[in-house]
Protein backbone atom coordinates (compact mmCIF):
# COMPACT_ATOMS: atom_id res chain seq x y z
CA MET A 1 -32.14 -42.85 19.78
CA TYR A 2 -29.46 -43.51 22.04
CA GLY A 3 -26.43 -42.59 19.88
CA VAL A 4 -28.54 -39.28 19.14
CA THR A 5 -28.95 -38.47 22.68
CA MET A 6 -25.30 -39.25 23.17
CA ALA A 7 -24.30 -36.77 20.61
CA MET A 8 -26.34 -34.53 22.27
CA TYR A 9 -25.18 -34.55 25.38
CA ARG A 10 -21.94 -33.79 24.79
CA PRO A 11 -22.20 -30.53 23.02
CA ALA A 12 -24.59 -29.13 26.24
CA LEU A 13 -21.73 -30.71 28.54
CA LEU A 14 -19.23 -28.21 27.02
CA MET A 15 -21.47 -25.49 26.39
CA TYR A 16 -22.33 -25.95 30.52
CA ARG A 17 -18.29 -26.64 31.60
CA VAL A 18 -17.62 -22.82 29.81
CA THR A 19 -19.90 -21.35 30.91
CA ILE A 20 -19.42 -22.37 34.59
CA ALA A 21 -15.44 -21.63 33.33
CA MET A 22 -16.76 -18.13 32.23
CA TYR A 23 -18.75 -17.57 35.20
CA ARG A 24 -15.83 -18.21 37.67
CA LEU A 25 -13.46 -15.71 35.38
CA ALA A 26 -15.98 -13.19 35.41
CA LEU A 27 -16.57 -13.18 39.57
CA LEU A 28 -12.23 -13.14 40.02
CA MET A 29 -12.18 -10.13 37.52
CA TYR A 30 -15.07 -9.02 40.10
CA ARG A 31 -13.17 -9.64 43.28
CA VAL A 32 -9.85 -8.25 41.35
CA THR A 33 -12.18 -5.21 40.34
CA ILE A 34 -13.29 -4.47 44.23
CA ALA A 35 -9.33 -5.44 45.18
CA MET A 36 -7.96 -2.28 43.31
CA TYR A 37 -10.49 -0.54 44.30
CA ARG A 38 -9.67 -0.20 48.04
CA LEU A 39 -6.28 0.12 47.30
CA ALA A 40 -6.56 2.61 45.45
CA LEU A 41 -9.23 4.01 48.61
CA LEU A 42 -6.25 3.54 50.72
CA MET A 43 -3.55 4.84 48.72
CA TYR A 44 -6.00 7.79 48.89
CA ARG A 45 -6.28 7.66 52.39
CA VAL A 46 -2.91 7.69 53.17
CA THR A 47 -1.94 10.37 50.55
CA ILE A 48 -4.34 13.22 52.36
CA ALA A 49 -3.17 11.91 55.95
CA MET A 50 0.61 12.47 54.63
CA HIS A 51 0.00 15.29 53.39
CA ARG A 52 -2.15 16.86 56.66
CA LEU A 53 1.12 15.09 58.91
CA THR A 54 3.20 18.06 56.58
CA GLN A 55 1.22 20.74 56.93
CA ILE A 56 1.35 20.19 60.50
CA HIS A 57 4.94 19.65 60.83
CA LYS A 58 5.06 23.29 58.38
CA GLN A 59 2.85 24.62 60.94
CA LEU A 60 5.36 23.73 64.14
CA LEU A 61 8.55 24.84 62.86
């Protein structure tokens, strides 16, 4: 009975570890996606700011 329990225990432990690894990978990808989104938003705002500055500069000339 002990041997059967151990035989069942090892695959279960392996699946558990794989599940945790996949969860961590998904969490990492989620964080990377948010970081990229924030970076894109920042670049978008900088682009708009630069555009406005060039327009103001043209008006001053």
